[in-house]
Amino acid sequence: MGFTSRSVNLSWAPSLSSHGSPISHYIIHTRSQVIETFPTSSQVPLDPSPFSPVGEEGEWDVQNALVTLTNATSSQVIGLLPYTVYSFRVVAINSLGPSTPSRESYYMVTLREGTIFT
């Protein structure tokens, strides 16, 4: 998985079974969480239990899903936000309909974008 501040290149294994109907294309769902500025040591709570792991409670963005044009098992996702945590999952589509979503990807963080001072 290669990535920049605003894009990521994804690849995945093809479905083990397409139930006799070839895969026509895939749908990629995203889940994200913007990273807040890390607090100073005096602001870090002693009991971290009220904080959930990044993104695990977030909703999958299925309304803005990326639809691939072919059955290729790789795609570039563009239009991401800098310094944001993302996870992805894939749904295969064939004449029988959509598959169940894949396991989600590992979380990744897009790169920061900085201001260039001259």
C-alpha atoms as a PDB file:
ATOM      1  CA  MET A   1       0.000   0.000   0.000  1.00  0.00           C
ATOM      2  CA  GLY A   2       1.720   3.176  -1.202  1.00  0.00           C
ATOM      3  CA  PHE A   3       0.386   6.561  -0.171  1.00  0.00           C
ATOM      4  CA  THR A   4       0.878  10.326  -0.248  1.00  0.00           C
ATOM      5  CA  SER A   5      -0.853  13.141   1.615  1.00  0.00           C
ATOM      6  CA  ARG A   6      -3.937  12.864  -0.617  1.00  0.00           C
ATOM      7  CA  SER A   7      -3.954   9.404  -2.213  1.00  0.00           C
ATOM      8  CA  VAL A   8      -3.351   5.721  -1.567  1.00  0.00           C
ATOM      9  CA  ASN A   9      -2.659   2.784  -3.883  1.00  0.00           C
ATOM     10  CA  LEU A  10      -4.566  -0.306  -2.783  1.00  0.00           C
ATOM     11  CA  SER A  11      -4.343  -3.918  -3.911  1.00  0.00           C
ATOM     12  CA  TRP A  12      -6.195  -6.987  -2.696  1.00  0.00           C
ATOM     13  CA  ALA A  13      -6.509 -10.700  -3.365  1.00  0.00           C
ATOM     14  CA  PRO A  14      -9.358 -11.758  -5.656  1.00  0.00           C
ATOM     15  CA  SER A  15     -12.371 -13.460  -4.125  1.00  0.00           C
ATOM     16  CA  LEU A  16     -11.899 -17.164  -3.412  1.00  0.00           C
ATOM     17  CA  SER A  17     -15.269 -17.961  -4.960  1.00  0.00           C
ATOM     18  CA  SER A  18     -17.461 -15.927  -7.257  1.00  0.00           C
ATOM     19  CA  HIS A  19     -20.167 -18.644  -7.279  1.00  0.00           C
ATOM     20  CA  GLY A  20     -19.758 -19.335 -10.995  1.00  0.00           C
ATOM     21  CA  SER A  21     -20.211 -15.708 -12.033  1.00  0.00           C
ATOM     22  CA  PRO A  22     -17.129 -13.622 -12.835  1.00  0.00           C
ATOM     23  CA  ILE A  23     -16.421 -10.470 -10.853  1.00  0.00           C
ATOM     24  CA  SER A  24     -17.305  -7.400 -12.933  1.00  0.00           C
ATOM     25  CA  HIS A  25     -15.932  -4.696 -10.626  1.00  0.00           C
ATOM     26  CA  TYR A  26     -15.281  -3.721  -7.026  1.00  0.00           C
ATOM     27  CA  ILE A  27     -16.517  -1.072  -4.604  1.00  0.00           C
ATOM     28  CA  ILE A  28     -14.071   0.440  -2.099  1.00  0.00           C
ATOM     29  CA  HIS A  29     -15.402   1.838   1.187  1.00  0.00           C
ATOM     30  CA  THR A  30     -13.380   4.172   3.403  1.00  0.00           C
ATOM     31  CA  ARG A  31     -13.409   4.953   7.084  1.00  0.00           C
ATOM     32  CA  SER A  32     -11.428   7.893   8.407  1.00  0.00           C
ATOM     33  CA  GLN A  33     -10.605   9.997  11.418  1.00  0.00           C
ATOM     34  CA  VAL A  34      -8.760  13.315  11.381  1.00  0.00           C
ATOM     35  CA  ILE A  35      -5.795  13.347  13.747  1.00  0.00           C
ATOM     36  CA  GLU A  36      -6.015  16.073  16.355  1.00  0.00           C
ATOM     37  CA  THR A  37      -2.922  17.885  17.565  1.00  0.00           C
ATOM     38  CA  PHE A  38      -1.343  15.689  20.216  1.00  0.00           C
ATOM     39  CA  PRO A  39      -1.915  17.126  23.704  1.00  0.00           C
ATOM     40  CA  THR A  40       0.936  18.203  25.942  1.00  0.00           C
ATOM     41  CA  SER A  41       1.955  15.826  28.722  1.00  0.00           C
ATOM     42  CA  SER A  42      -0.031  17.869  31.250  1.00  0.00           C
ATOM     43  CA  GLN A  43      -3.196  17.304  29.172  1.00  0.00           C
ATOM     44  CA  VAL A  44      -2.871  13.533  28.753  1.00  0.00           C
ATOM     45  CA  PRO A  45      -5.361  11.778  31.044  1.00  0.00           C
ATOM     46  CA  LEU A  46      -4.021   9.170  33.443  1.00  0.00           C
ATOM     47  CA  ASP A  47      -6.906   6.841  32.572  1.00  0.00           C
ATOM     48  CA  PRO A  48      -7.079   6.395  28.765  1.00  0.00           C
ATOM     49  CA  SER A  49     -10.144   4.098  28.956  1.00  0.00           C
ATOM     50  CA  PRO A  50     -12.659   6.691  27.666  1.00  0.00           C
ATOM     51  CA  PHE A  51     -10.747   6.846  24.373  1.00  0.00           C
ATOM     52  CA  SER A  52     -11.501   4.237  21.708  1.00  0.00           C
ATOM     53  CA  PRO A  53      -8.849   3.147  19.203  1.00  0.00           C
ATOM     54  CA  VAL A  54      -8.705   5.405  16.172  1.00  0.00           C
ATOM     55  CA  GLY A  55     -11.503   4.783  13.714  1.00  0.00           C
ATOM     56  CA  GLU A  56     -12.919   1.562  15.135  1.00  0.00           C
ATOM     57  CA  GLU A  57     -16.183   3.221  16.111  1.00  0.00           C
ATOM     58  CA  GLY A  58     -16.419   5.274  12.915  1.00  0.00           C
ATOM     59  CA  GLU A  59     -18.928   4.756  10.148  1.00  0.00           C
ATOM     60  CA  TRP A  60     -17.973   3.337   6.768  1.00  0.00           C
ATOM     61  CA  ASP A  61     -18.495   5.930   4.031  1.00  0.00           C
ATOM     62  CA  VAL A  62     -20.616   3.904   1.618  1.00  0.00           C
ATOM     63  CA  GLN A  63     -22.297   6.959   0.041  1.00  0.00           C
ATOM     64  CA  ASN A  64     -19.013   8.161  -1.485  1.00  0.00           C
ATOM     65  CA  ALA A  65     -17.593   4.728  -2.254  1.00  0.00           C
ATOM     66  CA  LEU A  66     -15.137   4.348  -5.115  1.00  0.00           C
ATOM     67  CA  VAL A  67     -16.436   2.071  -7.876  1.00  0.00           C
ATOM     68  CA  THR A  68     -13.717   0.486 -10.009  1.00  0.00           C
ATOM     69  CA  LEU A  69     -14.250   0.252 -13.764  1.00  0.00           C
ATOM     70  CA  THR A  70     -12.868  -3.272 -14.137  1.00  0.00           C
ATOM     71  CA  ASN A  71     -12.249  -6.432 -12.152  1.00  0.00           C
ATOM     72  CA  ALA A  72      -8.592  -5.501 -11.582  1.00  0.00           C
ATOM     73  CA  THR A  73      -7.558  -6.114  -7.977  1.00  0.00           C
ATOM     74  CA  SER A  74      -5.850  -2.766  -7.447  1.00  0.00           C
ATOM     75  CA  SER A  75      -6.949   0.848  -7.480  1.00  0.00           C
ATOM     76  CA  GLN A  76      -5.837   4.321  -6.510  1.00  0.00           C
ATOM     77  CA  VAL A  77      -8.025   6.230  -4.056  1.00  0.00           C
ATOM     78  CA  ILE A  78      -7.628   9.991  -4.482  1.00  0.00           C
ATOM     79  CA  GLY A  79      -9.087  13.023  -2.752  1.00  0.00           C
ATOM     80  CA  LEU A  80      -7.994  11.999   0.735  1.00  0.00           C
ATOM     81  CA  LEU A  81      -7.200  14.502   3.466  1.00  0.00           C
ATOM     82  CA  PRO A  82      -3.629  15.041   4.718  1.00  0.00           C
ATOM     83  CA  TYR A  83      -2.629  13.667   8.125  1.00  0.00           C
ATOM     84  CA  THR A  84      -5.766  11.572   8.463  1.00  0.00           C
ATOM     85  CA  VAL A  85      -6.170   7.943   9.552  1.00  0.00           C
ATOM     86  CA  TYR A  86      -7.860   5.717   6.963  1.00  0.00           C
ATOM     87  CA  SER A  87      -8.986   2.126   6.680  1.00  0.00           C
ATOM     88  CA  PHE A  88     -10.451   0.496   3.574  1.00  0.00           C
ATOM     89  CA  ARG A  89     -12.599  -2.502   2.700  1.00  0.00           C
ATOM     90  CA  VAL A  90     -13.622  -3.977  -0.649  1.00  0.00           C
ATOM     91  CA  VAL A  91     -16.899  -5.403  -1.958  1.00  0.00           C
ATOM     92  CA  ALA A  92     -16.859  -7.591  -5.093  1.00  0.00           C
ATOM     93  CA  ILE A  93     -19.717  -7.235  -7.584  1.00  0.00           C
ATOM     94  CA  ASN A  94     -20.922  -9.856 -10.070  1.00  0.00           C
ATOM     95  CA  SER A  95     -24.231 -10.756 -11.741  1.00  0.00           C
ATOM     96  CA  LEU A  96     -25.447 -12.272  -8.463  1.00  0.00           C
ATOM     97  CA  GLY A  97     -24.948  -8.987  -6.596  1.00  0.00           C
ATOM     98  CA  PRO A  98     -22.489  -7.665  -4.011  1.00  0.00           C
ATOM     99  CA  SER A  99     -20.306  -9.822  -1.794  1.00  0.00           C
ATOM    100  CA  THR A 100     -19.988  -9.264   1.903  1.00  0.00           C
ATOM    101  CA  PRO A 101     -17.317  -6.624   2.575  1.00  0.00           C
ATOM    102  CA  SER A 102     -13.735  -7.797   2.979  1.00  0.00           C
ATOM    103  CA  ARG A 103     -11.924  -7.470   6.265  1.00  0.00           C
ATOM    104  CA  GLU A 104     -10.867  -3.907   6.763  1.00  0.00           C
ATOM    105  CA  SER A 105      -7.315  -2.951   5.888  1.00  0.00           C
ATOM    106  CA  TYR A 106      -4.748  -2.012   8.460  1.00  0.00           C
ATOM    107  CA  TYR A 107      -5.020   1.628   9.455  1.00  0.00           C
ATOM    108  CA  MET A 108      -2.738   4.012   7.601  1.00  0.00           C
ATOM    109  CA  VAL A 109      -2.040   7.720   8.005  1.00  0.00           C
ATOM    110  CA  THR A 110      -1.762  10.014   5.008  1.00  0.00           C
ATOM    111  CA  LEU A 111       1.278  12.259   4.985  1.00  0.00           C
ATOM    112  CA  ARG A 112       1.255  15.772   6.384  1.00  0.00           C
ATOM    113  CA  GLU A 113       1.383  18.769   4.097  1.00  0.00           C
ATOM    114  CA  GLY A 114       3.562  21.587   5.303  1.00  0.00           C
ATOM    115  CA  THR A 115       4.000  25.220   4.482  1.00  0.00           C
ATOM    116  CA  ILE A 116       7.208  26.080   2.678  1.00  0.00           C
ATOM    117  CA  PHE A 117       8.884  29.129   4.170  1.00  0.00           C
ATOM    118  CA  THR A 118      11.173  31.187   1.956  1.00  0.00           C
END
